[in-house]
Amino acid sequence: MDVARSIGLVVSNGTVAGTIDQEKVLGALVELTENDPAHADLYAAAAEHVRSARSAGMETHEANSSHMRPGADATTQLRYRSEMVDLFTDLAIDVGLRLHNQALVASA
């Protein structure tokens, strides 16, 4: 959930509204995969879920816009922030269950 917090999905007042850039979410999942390769399959499944999630719209940026970085895409795919919070919550549960099951097997 620290990763979700770092990209702005977890807020202190508990209210989750608005949209988030899909690439921000996918980048966080890549970071998780690099830091925790034992659960790469769960992160890959989550990334597929992000890509197939309901669209919250597209932002198109003008080439000379101050929002455009050199080499950046001219469009931004938006996803609903609340759905991405649910995704990270489910992912945390899945990883936790896997770790718990591994601990049970190791202690048996």
PDB file of N, CA and C in Angstrom:
ATOM      1  N   MET A   1       0.824  -1.190   0.000  1.00  0.00           N
ATOM      2  CA  MET A   1       0.000   0.000   0.000  1.00  0.00           C
ATOM      3  C   MET A   1       0.872   1.258   0.000  1.00  0.00           C
ATOM      4  N   ASP A   2       2.139   1.114   0.383  1.00  0.00           N
ATOM      5  CA  ASP A   2       3.043   2.263   0.317  1.00  0.00           C
ATOM      6  C   ASP A   2       3.186   2.767  -1.117  1.00  0.00           C
ATOM      7  N   VAL A   3       3.227   1.837  -2.060  1.00  0.00           N
ATOM      8  CA  VAL A   3       3.338   2.224  -3.469  1.00  0.00           C
ATOM      9  C   VAL A   3       2.074   2.949  -3.912  1.00  0.00           C
ATOM     10  N   ALA A   4       0.920   2.448  -3.519  1.00  0.00           N
ATOM     11  CA  ALA A   4      -0.343   3.109  -3.850  1.00  0.00           C
ATOM     12  C   ALA A   4      -0.370   4.519  -3.259  1.00  0.00           C
ATOM     13  N   ARG A   5       0.125   4.644  -2.041  1.00  0.00           N
ATOM     14  CA  ARG A   5       0.177   5.958  -1.392  1.00  0.00           C
ATOM     15  C   ARG A   5       1.124   6.890  -2.155  1.00  0.00           C
ATOM     16  N   SER A   6       2.239   6.349  -2.620  1.00  0.00           N
ATOM     17  CA  SER A   6       3.240   7.178  -3.294  1.00  0.00           C
ATOM     18  C   SER A   6       2.743   7.757  -4.629  1.00  0.00           C
ATOM     19  N   ILE A   7       1.779   7.101  -5.253  1.00  0.00           N
ATOM     20  CA  ILE A   7       1.249   7.645  -6.518  1.00  0.00           C
ATOM     21  C   ILE A   7      -0.087   8.359  -6.303  1.00  0.00           C
ATOM     22  N   GLY A   8      -0.440   8.561  -5.039  1.00  0.00           N
ATOM     23  CA  GLY A   8      -1.618   9.363  -4.738  1.00  0.00           C
ATOM     24  C   GLY A   8      -2.928   8.620  -4.700  1.00  0.00           C
ATOM     25  N   LEU A   9      -2.888   7.300  -4.546  1.00  0.00           N
ATOM     26  CA  LEU A   9      -4.138   6.547  -4.498  1.00  0.00           C
ATOM     27  C   LEU A   9      -4.718   6.457  -3.098  1.00  0.00           C
ATOM     28  N   VAL A  10      -3.889   6.559  -2.080  1.00  0.00           N
ATOM     29  CA  VAL A  10      -4.358   6.481  -0.702  1.00  0.00           C
ATOM     30  C   VAL A  10      -4.259   7.883  -0.113  1.00  0.00           C
ATOM     31  N   VAL A  11      -5.389   8.390   0.334  1.00  0.00           N
ATOM     32  CA  VAL A  11      -5.419   9.741   0.884  1.00  0.00           C
ATOM     33  C   VAL A  11      -5.769   9.685   2.367  1.00  0.00           C
ATOM     34  N   SER A  12      -5.363  10.691   3.107  1.00  0.00           N
ATOM     35  CA  SER A  12      -5.527  10.682   4.557  1.00  0.00           C
ATOM     36  C   SER A  12      -6.981  10.802   5.001  1.00  0.00           C
ATOM     37  N   ASN A  13      -7.812  11.480   4.232  1.00  0.00           N
ATOM     38  CA  ASN A  13      -9.199  11.665   4.660  1.00  0.00           C
ATOM     39  C   ASN A  13     -10.122  10.518   4.234  1.00  0.00           C
ATOM     40  N   GLY A  14      -9.599   9.539   3.520  1.00  0.00           N
ATOM     41  CA  GLY A  14     -10.380   8.372   3.131  1.00  0.00           C
ATOM     42  C   GLY A  14     -11.232   8.549   1.887  1.00  0.00           C
ATOM     43  N   THR A  15     -11.291   9.738   1.335  1.00  0.00           N
ATOM     44  CA  THR A  15     -12.085   9.997   0.143  1.00  0.00           C
ATOM     45  C   THR A  15     -11.222   9.788  -1.095  1.00  0.00           C
ATOM     46  N   VAL A  16     -11.694   8.931  -1.982  1.00  0.00           N
ATOM     47  CA  VAL A  16     -10.977   8.674  -3.227  1.00  0.00           C
ATOM     48  C   VAL A  16     -11.894   9.069  -4.370  1.00  0.00           C
ATOM     49  N   ALA A  17     -11.464  10.055  -5.136  1.00  0.00           N
ATOM     50  CA  ALA A  17     -12.282  10.531  -6.249  1.00  0.00           C
ATOM     51  C   ALA A  17     -11.363  10.959  -7.376  1.00  0.00           C
ATOM     52  N   GLY A  18     -11.937  11.086  -8.545  1.00  0.00           N
ATOM     53  CA  GLY A  18     -11.184  11.588  -9.676  1.00  0.00           C
ATOM     54  C   GLY A  18     -10.524  10.489 -10.484  1.00  0.00           C
ATOM     55  N   THR A  19      -9.511  10.902 -11.224  1.00  0.00           N
ATOM     56  CA  THR A  19      -8.846   9.995 -12.154  1.00  0.00           C
ATOM     57  C   THR A  19      -7.350   9.974 -11.894  1.00  0.00           C
ATOM     58  N   ILE A  20      -6.695   8.989 -12.512  1.00  0.00           N
ATOM     59  CA  ILE A  20      -5.252   8.869 -12.423  1.00  0.00           C
ATOM     60  C   ILE A  20      -4.734   8.394 -13.775  1.00  0.00           C
ATOM     61  N   ASP A  21      -3.555   8.831 -14.105  1.00  0.00           N
ATOM     62  CA  ASP A  21      -2.895   8.445 -15.350  1.00  0.00           C
ATOM     63  C   ASP A  21      -2.568   6.949 -15.303  1.00  0.00           C
ATOM     64  N   GLN A  22      -3.008   6.224 -16.307  1.00  0.00           N
ATOM     65  CA  GLN A  22      -2.756   4.785 -16.379  1.00  0.00           C
ATOM     66  C   GLN A  22      -1.260   4.475 -16.298  1.00  0.00           C
ATOM     67  N   GLU A  23      -0.434   5.266 -16.949  1.00  0.00           N
ATOM     68  CA  GLU A  23       1.006   5.008 -16.952  1.00  0.00           C
ATOM     69  C   GLU A  23       1.613   5.131 -15.563  1.00  0.00           C
ATOM     70  N   LYS A  24       1.049   5.975 -14.736  1.00  0.00           N
ATOM     71  CA  LYS A  24       1.521   6.115 -13.354  1.00  0.00           C
ATOM     72  C   LYS A  24       1.270   4.813 -12.591  1.00  0.00           C
ATOM     73  N   VAL A  25       0.093   4.235 -12.788  1.00  0.00           N
ATOM     74  CA  VAL A  25      -0.262   2.980 -12.120  1.00  0.00           C
ATOM     75  C   VAL A  25       0.609   1.837 -12.646  1.00  0.00           C
ATOM     76  N   LEU A  26       0.746   1.756 -13.970  1.00  0.00           N
ATOM     77  CA  LEU A  26       1.573   0.692 -14.553  1.00  0.00           C
ATOM     78  C   LEU A  26       3.029   0.831 -14.122  1.00  0.00           C
ATOM     79  N   GLY A  27       3.518   2.047 -14.019  1.00  0.00           N
ATOM     80  CA  GLY A  27       4.887   2.275 -13.556  1.00  0.00           C
ATOM     81  C   GLY A  27       5.083   1.789 -12.135  1.00  0.00           C
ATOM     82  N   ALA A  28       4.087   1.996 -11.285  1.00  0.00           N
ATOM     83  CA  ALA A  28       4.157   1.510  -9.906  1.00  0.00           C
ATOM     84  C   ALA A  28       4.194  -0.016  -9.869  1.00  0.00           C
ATOM     85  N   LEU A  29       3.451  -0.657 -10.754  1.00  0.00           N
ATOM     86  CA  LEU A  29       3.458  -2.119 -10.804  1.00  0.00           C
ATOM     87  C   LEU A  29       4.797  -2.651 -11.315  1.00  0.00           C
ATOM     88  N   VAL A  30       5.408  -1.948 -12.241  1.00  0.00           N
ATOM     89  CA  VAL A  30       6.747  -2.325 -12.715  1.00  0.00           C
ATOM     90  C   VAL A  30       7.739  -2.222 -11.558  1.00  0.00           C
ATOM     91  N   GLU A  31       7.639  -1.155 -10.793  1.00  0.00           N
ATOM     92  CA  GLU A  31       8.516  -0.971  -9.633  1.00  0.00           C
ATOM     93  C   GLU A  31       8.347  -2.110  -8.631  1.00  0.00           C
ATOM     94  N   LEU A  32       7.097  -2.498  -8.384  1.00  0.00           N
ATOM     95  CA  LEU A  32       6.846  -3.623  -7.477  1.00  0.00           C
ATOM     96  C   LEU A  32       7.468  -4.905  -8.011  1.00  0.00           C
ATOM     97  N   THR A  33       7.339  -5.143  -9.303  1.00  0.00           N
ATOM     98  CA  THR A  33       7.908  -6.345  -9.920  1.00  0.00           C
ATOM     99  C   THR A  33       9.424  -6.366  -9.770  1.00  0.00           C
ATOM    100  N   GLU A  34      10.058  -5.226 -10.000  1.00  0.00           N
ATOM    101  CA  GLU A  34      11.518  -5.151  -9.884  1.00  0.00           C
ATOM    102  C   GLU A  34      11.983  -5.360  -8.451  1.00  0.00           C
ATOM    103  N   ASN A  35      11.219  -4.862  -7.479  1.00  0.00           N
ATOM    104  CA  ASN A  35      11.610  -4.966  -6.071  1.00  0.00           C
ATOM    105  C   ASN A  35      11.174  -6.265  -5.415  1.00  0.00           C
ATOM    106  N   ASP A  36      10.239  -6.973  -6.018  1.00  0.00           N
ATOM    107  CA  ASP A  36       9.692  -8.195  -5.424  1.00  0.00           C
ATOM    108  C   ASP A  36       9.360  -9.205  -6.525  1.00  0.00           C
ATOM    109  N   PRO A  37      10.385  -9.741  -7.208  1.00  0.00           N
ATOM    110  CA  PRO A  37      10.137 -10.621  -8.347  1.00  0.00           C
ATOM    111  C   PRO A  37       9.430 -11.935  -7.997  1.00  0.00           C
ATOM    112  N   ALA A  38       9.404 -12.303  -6.742  1.00  0.00           N
ATOM    113  CA  ALA A  38       8.725 -13.547  -6.342  1.00  0.00           C
ATOM    114  C   ALA A  38       7.227 -13.493  -6.629  1.00  0.00           C
ATOM    115  N   HIS A  39       6.693 -12.301  -6.726  1.00  0.00           N
ATOM    116  CA  HIS A  39       5.256 -12.152  -6.967  1.00  0.00           C
ATOM    117  C   HIS A  39       4.983 -11.484  -8.313  1.00  0.00           C
ATOM    118  N   ALA A  40       5.909 -11.628  -9.237  1.00  0.00           N
ATOM    119  CA  ALA A  40       5.791 -10.988 -10.557  1.00  0.00           C
ATOM    120  C   ALA A  40       4.504 -11.390 -11.272  1.00  0.00           C
ATOM    121  N   ASP A  41       4.059 -12.622 -11.093  1.00  0.00           N
ATOM    122  CA  ASP A  41       2.829 -13.061 -11.758  1.00  0.00           C
ATOM    123  C   ASP A  41       1.608 -12.285 -11.261  1.00  0.00           C
ATOM    124  N   LEU A  42       1.576 -11.973  -9.971  1.00  0.00           N
ATOM    125  CA  LEU A  42       0.463 -11.192  -9.433  1.00  0.00           C
ATOM    126  C   LEU A  42       0.493  -9.764  -9.963  1.00  0.00           C
ATOM    127  N   TYR A  43       1.696  -9.195 -10.054  1.00  0.00           N
ATOM    128  CA  TYR A  43       1.826  -7.832 -10.557  1.00  0.00           C
ATOM    129  C   TYR A  43       1.476  -7.762 -12.048  1.00  0.00           C
ATOM    130  N   ALA A  44       1.852  -8.792 -12.803  1.00  0.00           N
ATOM    131  CA  ALA A  44       1.519  -8.832 -14.229  1.00  0.00           C
ATOM    132  C   ALA A  44       0.000  -8.937 -14.425  1.00  0.00           C
ATOM    133  N   ALA A  45      -0.650  -9.741 -13.598  1.00  0.00           N
ATOM    134  CA  ALA A  45      -2.112  -9.866 -13.677  1.00  0.00           C
ATOM    135  C   ALA A  45      -2.779  -8.538 -13.324  1.00  0.00           C
ATOM    136  N   ALA A  46      -2.234  -7.845 -12.334  1.00  0.00           N
ATOM    137  CA  ALA A  46      -2.778  -6.539 -11.959  1.00  0.00           C
ATOM    138  C   ALA A  46      -2.605  -5.542 -13.099  1.00  0.00           C
ATOM    139  N   ALA A  47      -1.452  -5.587 -13.770  1.00  0.00           N
ATOM    140  CA  ALA A  47      -1.207  -4.678 -14.901  1.00  0.00           C
ATOM    141  C   ALA A  47      -2.210  -4.933 -16.023  1.00  0.00           C
ATOM    142  N   GLU A  48      -2.513  -6.194 -16.287  1.00  0.00           N
ATOM    143  CA  GLU A  48      -3.523  -6.509 -17.303  1.00  0.00           C
ATOM    144  C   GLU A  48      -4.886  -5.970 -16.898  1.00  0.00           C
ATOM    145  N   HIS A  49      -5.178  -6.061 -15.616  1.00  0.00           N
ATOM    146  CA  HIS A  49      -6.446  -5.534 -15.123  1.00  0.00           C
ATOM    147  C   HIS A  49      -6.502  -4.019 -15.316  1.00  0.00           C
ATOM    148  N   VAL A  50      -5.395  -3.334 -15.065  1.00  0.00           N
ATOM    149  CA  VAL A  50      -5.345  -1.884 -15.282  1.00  0.00           C
ATOM    150  C   VAL A  50      -5.638  -1.569 -16.739  1.00  0.00           C
ATOM    151  N   ARG A  51      -4.984  -2.291 -17.634  1.00  0.00           N
ATOM    152  CA  ARG A  51      -5.157  -2.019 -19.075  1.00  0.00           C
ATOM    153  C   ARG A  51      -6.584  -2.266 -19.550  1.00  0.00           C
ATOM    154  N   SER A  52      -7.266  -3.199 -18.910  1.00  0.00           N
ATOM    155  CA  SER A  52      -8.625  -3.525 -19.348  1.00  0.00           C
ATOM    156  C   SER A  52      -9.697  -2.836 -18.503  1.00  0.00           C
ATOM    157  N   ALA A  53      -9.284  -2.023 -17.537  1.00  0.00           N
ATOM    158  CA  ALA A  53     -10.249  -1.336 -16.675  1.00  0.00           C
ATOM    159  C   ALA A  53     -11.043  -0.302 -17.475  1.00  0.00           C
ATOM    160  N   ARG A  54     -12.153   0.061 -16.930  1.00  0.00           N
ATOM    161  CA  ARG A  54     -13.037   1.053 -17.534  1.00  0.00           C
ATOM    162  C   ARG A  54     -12.293   2.375 -17.725  1.00  0.00           C
ATOM    163  N   SER A  55     -12.393   2.928 -18.894  1.00  0.00           N
ATOM    164  CA  SER A  55     -11.722   4.189 -19.193  1.00  0.00           C
ATOM    165  C   SER A  55     -12.433   5.350 -18.509  1.00  0.00           C
ATOM    166  N   ALA A  56     -11.626   6.257 -17.975  1.00  0.00           N
ATOM    167  CA  ALA A  56     -12.165   7.490 -17.398  1.00  0.00           C
ATOM    168  C   ALA A  56     -11.934   8.647 -18.367  1.00  0.00           C
ATOM    169  N   GLY A  57     -11.549   8.303 -19.592  1.00  0.00           N
ATOM    170  CA  GLY A  57     -11.334   9.313 -20.616  1.00  0.00           C
ATOM    171  C   GLY A  57      -9.884   9.405 -21.041  1.00  0.00           C
ATOM    172  N   MET A  58      -9.664  10.226 -22.027  1.00  0.00           N
ATOM    173  CA  MET A  58      -8.324  10.474 -22.557  1.00  0.00           C
ATOM    174  C   MET A  58      -8.079  11.968 -22.522  1.00  0.00           C
ATOM    175  N   GLU A  59      -6.861  12.316 -22.154  1.00  0.00           N
ATOM    176  CA  GLU A  59      -6.445  13.708 -22.255  1.00  0.00           C
ATOM    177  C   GLU A  59      -5.510  13.815 -23.443  1.00  0.00           C
ATOM    178  N   THR A  60      -5.747  14.802 -24.282  1.00  0.00           N
ATOM    179  CA  THR A  60      -4.862  15.054 -25.412  1.00  0.00           C
ATOM    180  C   THR A  60      -4.123  16.348 -25.135  1.00  0.00           C
ATOM    181  N   HIS A  61      -2.815  16.294 -25.266  1.00  0.00           N
ATOM    182  CA  HIS A  61      -1.974  17.445 -24.973  1.00  0.00           C
ATOM    183  C   HIS A  61      -1.445  18.036 -26.281  1.00  0.00           C
ATOM    184  N   GLU A  62      -1.468  19.324 -26.357  1.00  0.00           N
ATOM    185  CA  GLU A  62      -0.896  20.027 -27.499  1.00  0.00           C
ATOM    186  C   GLU A  62       0.625  19.865 -27.465  1.00  0.00           C
ATOM    187  N   ALA A  63       1.247  19.780 -28.608  1.00  0.00           N
ATOM    188  CA  ALA A  63       2.694  19.575 -28.687  1.00  0.00           C
ATOM    189  C   ALA A  63       3.469  20.677 -27.976  1.00  0.00           C
ATOM    190  N   ASN A  64       2.955  21.888 -27.964  1.00  0.00           N
ATOM    191  CA  ASN A  64       3.667  22.988 -27.319  1.00  0.00           C
ATOM    192  C   ASN A  64       3.148  23.288 -25.914  1.00  0.00           C
ATOM    193  N   SER A  65       2.361  22.379 -25.358  1.00  0.00           N
ATOM    194  CA  SER A  65       1.783  22.560 -24.034  1.00  0.00           C
ATOM    195  C   SER A  65       2.854  22.455 -22.958  1.00  0.00           C
ATOM    196  N   SER A  66       2.647  23.174 -21.878  1.00  0.00           N
ATOM    197  CA  SER A  66       3.583  23.081 -20.749  1.00  0.00           C
ATOM    198  C   SER A  66       3.458  21.734 -20.039  1.00  0.00           C
ATOM    199  N   HIS A  67       2.391  20.994 -20.322  1.00  0.00           N
ATOM    200  CA  HIS A  67       2.197  19.666 -19.725  1.00  0.00           C
ATOM    201  C   HIS A  67       2.973  18.580 -20.465  1.00  0.00           C
ATOM    202  N   MET A  68       3.516  18.922 -21.618  1.00  0.00           N
ATOM    203  CA  MET A  68       4.226  17.938 -22.442  1.00  0.00           C
ATOM    204  C   MET A  68       5.709  17.946 -22.122  1.00  0.00           C
ATOM    205  N   ARG A  69       6.246  16.768 -21.828  1.00  0.00           N
ATOM    206  CA  ARG A  69       7.680  16.601 -21.679  1.00  0.00           C
ATOM    207  C   ARG A  69       8.221  16.113 -23.005  1.00  0.00           C
ATOM    208  N   PRO A  70       9.456  16.457 -23.328  1.00  0.00           N
ATOM    209  CA  PRO A  70      10.034  15.958 -24.588  1.00  0.00           C
ATOM    210  C   PRO A  70       9.981  14.426 -24.637  1.00  0.00           C
ATOM    211  N   GLY A  71       9.469  13.902 -25.733  1.00  0.00           N
ATOM    212  CA  GLY A  71       9.377  12.455 -25.917  1.00  0.00           C
ATOM    213  C   GLY A  71       8.155  11.823 -25.278  1.00  0.00           C
ATOM    214  N   ALA A  72       7.325  12.599 -24.578  1.00  0.00           N
ATOM    215  CA  ALA A  72       6.141  12.054 -23.909  1.00  0.00           C
ATOM    216  C   ALA A  72       5.011  11.850 -24.916  1.00  0.00           C
ATOM    217  N   ASP A  73       4.105  10.944 -24.571  1.00  0.00           N
ATOM    218  CA  ASP A  73       2.934  10.712 -25.415  1.00  0.00           C
ATOM    219  C   ASP A  73       2.045  11.953 -25.426  1.00  0.00           C
ATOM    220  N   ALA A  74       1.384  12.164 -26.530  1.00  0.00           N
ATOM    221  CA  ALA A  74       0.494  13.311 -26.660  1.00  0.00           C
ATOM    222  C   ALA A  74      -0.865  13.053 -26.018  1.00  0.00           C
ATOM    223  N   THR A  75      -1.125  11.803 -25.637  1.00  0.00           N
ATOM    224  CA  THR A  75      -2.389  11.466 -24.979  1.00  0.00           C
ATOM    225  C   THR A  75      -2.108  10.750 -23.665  1.00  0.00           C
ATOM    226  N   THR A  76      -3.026  10.917 -22.749  1.00  0.00           N
ATOM    227  CA  THR A  76      -2.944  10.265 -21.448  1.00  0.00           C
ATOM    228  C   THR A  76      -4.216   9.477 -21.240  1.00  0.00           C
ATOM    229  N   GLN A  77      -4.091   8.171 -21.031  1.00  0.00           N
ATOM    230  CA  GLN A  77      -5.259   7.329 -20.728  1.00  0.00           C
ATOM    231  C   GLN A  77      -5.531   7.450 -19.235  1.00  0.00           C
ATOM    232  N   LEU A  78      -6.743   7.844 -18.904  1.00  0.00           N
ATOM    233  CA  LEU A  78      -7.118   8.003 -17.504  1.00  0.00           C
ATOM    234  C   LEU A  78      -7.932   6.805 -17.032  1.00  0.00           C
ATOM    235  N   ARG A  79      -7.725   6.446 -15.775  1.00  0.00           N
ATOM    236  CA  ARG A  79      -8.507   5.394 -15.116  1.00  0.00           C
ATOM    237  C   ARG A  79      -9.136   5.992 -13.861  1.00  0.00           C
ATOM    238  N   TYR A  80     -10.228   5.385 -13.426  1.00  0.00           N
ATOM    239  CA  TYR A  80     -10.886   5.864 -12.213  1.00  0.00           C
ATOM    240  C   TYR A  80     -10.026   5.518 -11.001  1.00  0.00           C
ATOM    241  N   ARG A  81      -9.739   6.533 -10.214  1.00  0.00           N
ATOM    242  CA  ARG A  81      -8.878   6.390  -9.033  1.00  0.00           C
ATOM    243  C   ARG A  81      -9.431   5.329  -8.070  1.00  0.00           C
ATOM    244  N   SER A  82     -10.733   5.315  -7.844  1.00  0.00           N
ATOM    245  CA  SER A  82     -11.322   4.356  -6.894  1.00  0.00           C
ATOM    246  C   SER A  82     -11.113   2.911  -7.349  1.00  0.00           C
ATOM    247  N   GLU A  83     -11.174   2.669  -8.655  1.00  0.00           N
ATOM    248  CA  GLU A  83     -10.946   1.315  -9.165  1.00  0.00           C
ATOM    249  C   GLU A  83      -9.491   0.902  -8.990  1.00  0.00           C
ATOM    250  N   MET A  84      -8.572   1.850  -9.118  1.00  0.00           N
ATOM    251  CA  MET A  84      -7.157   1.537  -8.953  1.00  0.00           C
ATOM    252  C   MET A  84      -6.826   1.297  -7.477  1.00  0.00           C
ATOM    253  N   VAL A  85      -7.530   1.997  -6.570  1.00  0.00           N
ATOM    254  CA  VAL A  85      -7.369   1.731  -5.136  1.00  0.00           C
ATOM    255  C   VAL A  85      -7.807   0.305  -4.840  1.00  0.00           C
ATOM    256  N   ASP A  86      -8.951  -0.092  -5.383  1.00  0.00           N
ATOM    257  CA  ASP A  86      -9.435  -1.465  -5.186  1.00  0.00           C
ATOM    258  C   ASP A  86      -8.432  -2.480  -5.718  1.00  0.00           C
ATOM    259  N   LEU A  87      -7.829  -2.185  -6.865  1.00  0.00           N
ATOM    260  CA  LEU A  87      -6.843  -3.082  -7.455  1.00  0.00           C
ATOM    261  C   LEU A  87      -5.644  -3.268  -6.517  1.00  0.00           C
ATOM    262  N   PHE A  88      -5.119  -2.173  -5.971  1.00  0.00           N
ATOM    263  CA  PHE A  88      -3.971  -2.271  -5.067  1.00  0.00           C
ATOM    264  C   PHE A  88      -4.351  -2.952  -3.756  1.00  0.00           C
ATOM    265  N   THR A  89      -5.578  -2.754  -3.285  1.00  0.00           N
ATOM    266  CA  THR A  89      -6.034  -3.442  -2.079  1.00  0.00           C
ATOM    267  C   THR A  89      -6.095  -4.944  -2.325  1.00  0.00           C
ATOM    268  N   ASP A  90      -6.685  -5.343  -3.440  1.00  0.00           N
ATOM    269  CA  ASP A  90      -6.747  -6.766  -3.795  1.00  0.00           C
ATOM    270  C   ASP A  90      -5.353  -7.357  -3.953  1.00  0.00           C
ATOM    271  N   LEU A  91      -4.460  -6.597  -4.553  1.00  0.00           N
ATOM    272  CA  LEU A  91      -3.089  -7.054  -4.757  1.00  0.00           C
ATOM    273  C   LEU A  91      -2.392  -7.270  -3.413  1.00  0.00           C
ATOM    274  N   ALA A  92      -2.566  -6.356  -2.481  1.00  0.00           N
ATOM    275  CA  ALA A  92      -1.972  -6.503  -1.147  1.00  0.00           C
ATOM    276  C   ALA A  92      -2.514  -7.748  -0.452  1.00  0.00           C
ATOM    277  N   ILE A  93      -3.801  -8.002  -0.607  1.00  0.00           N
ATOM    278  CA  ILE A  93      -4.409  -9.201  -0.014  1.00  0.00           C
ATOM    279  C   ILE A  93      -3.831 -10.453  -0.657  1.00  0.00           C
ATOM    280  N   ASP A  94      -3.737 -10.469  -1.992  1.00  0.00           N
ATOM    281  CA  ASP A  94      -3.197 -11.637  -2.697  1.00  0.00           C
ATOM    282  C   ASP A  94      -1.759 -11.943  -2.280  1.00  0.00           C
ATOM    283  N   VAL A  95      -0.932 -10.903  -2.204  1.00  0.00           N
ATOM    284  CA  VAL A  95       0.457 -11.111  -1.787  1.00  0.00           C
ATOM    285  C   VAL A  95       0.504 -11.593  -0.341  1.00  0.00           C
ATOM    286  N   GLY A  96      -0.303 -10.990   0.510  1.00  0.00           N
ATOM    287  CA  GLY A  96      -0.346 -11.415   1.913  1.00  0.00           C
ATOM    288  C   GLY A  96      -0.780 -12.856   2.084  1.00  0.00           C
ATOM    289  N   LEU A  97      -1.804 -13.265   1.335  1.00  0.00           N
ATOM    290  CA  LEU A  97      -2.261 -14.660   1.405  1.00  0.00           C
ATOM    291  C   LEU A  97      -1.184 -15.628   0.914  1.00  0.00           C
ATOM    292  N   ARG A  98      -0.508 -15.241  -0.145  1.00  0.00           N
ATOM    293  CA  ARG A  98       0.555 -16.087  -0.675  1.00  0.00           C
ATOM    294  C   ARG A  98       1.679 -16.240   0.363  1.00  0.00           C
ATOM    295  N   LEU A  99       2.077 -15.149   0.961  1.00  0.00           N
ATOM    296  CA  LEU A  99       3.132 -15.210   1.981  1.00  0.00           C
ATOM    297  C   LEU A  99       2.699 -16.046   3.175  1.00  0.00           C
ATOM    298  N   HIS A 100       1.447 -15.908   3.562  1.00  0.00           N
ATOM    299  CA  HIS A 100       0.914 -16.691   4.686  1.00  0.00           C
ATOM    300  C   HIS A 100       0.932 -18.187   4.344  1.00  0.00           C
ATOM    301  N   ASN A 101       0.484 -18.527   3.156  1.00  0.00           N
ATOM    302  CA  ASN A 101       0.472 -19.932   2.738  1.00  0.00           C
ATOM    303  C   ASN A 101       1.885 -20.500   2.650  1.00  0.00           C
ATOM    304  N   GLN A 102       2.838 -19.694   2.168  1.00  0.00           N
ATOM    305  CA  GLN A 102       4.228 -20.142   2.119  1.00  0.00           C
ATOM    306  C   GLN A 102       4.777 -20.381   3.510  1.00  0.00           C
ATOM    307  N   ALA A 103       4.404 -19.542   4.464  1.00  0.00           N
ATOM    308  CA  ALA A 103       4.860 -19.713   5.840  1.00  0.00           C
ATOM    309  C   ALA A 103       4.271 -20.980   6.446  1.00  0.00           C
ATOM    310  N   LEU A 104       3.015 -21.276   6.114  1.00  0.00           N
ATOM    311  CA  LEU A 104       2.376 -22.500   6.623  1.00  0.00           C
ATOM    312  C   LEU A 104       3.072 -23.744   6.079  1.00  0.00           C
ATOM    313  N   VAL A 105       3.380 -23.737   4.800  1.00  0.00           N
ATOM    314  CA  VAL A 105       4.057 -24.876   4.173  1.00  0.00           C
ATOM    315  C   VAL A 105       5.453 -25.047   4.768  1.00  0.00           C
ATOM    316  N   ALA A 106       6.141 -23.937   4.975  1.00  0.00           N
ATOM    317  CA  ALA A 106       7.498 -24.002   5.522  1.00  0.00           C
ATOM    318  C   ALA A 106       7.514 -24.518   6.957  1.00  0.00           C
ATOM    319  N   SER A 107       6.466 -24.244   7.718  1.00  0.00           N
ATOM    320  CA  SER A 107       6.437 -24.676   9.104  1.00  0.00           C
ATOM    321  C   SER A 107       5.893 -26.094   9.279  1.00  0.00           C
ATOM    322  N   ALA A 108       5.337 -26.665   8.225  1.00  0.00           N
ATOM    323  CA  ALA A 108       4.744 -28.021   8.309  1.00  0.00           C
ATOM    324  C   ALA A 108       5.782 -29.103   8.237  1.00  0.00           C
TER     325      ALA A 108
END
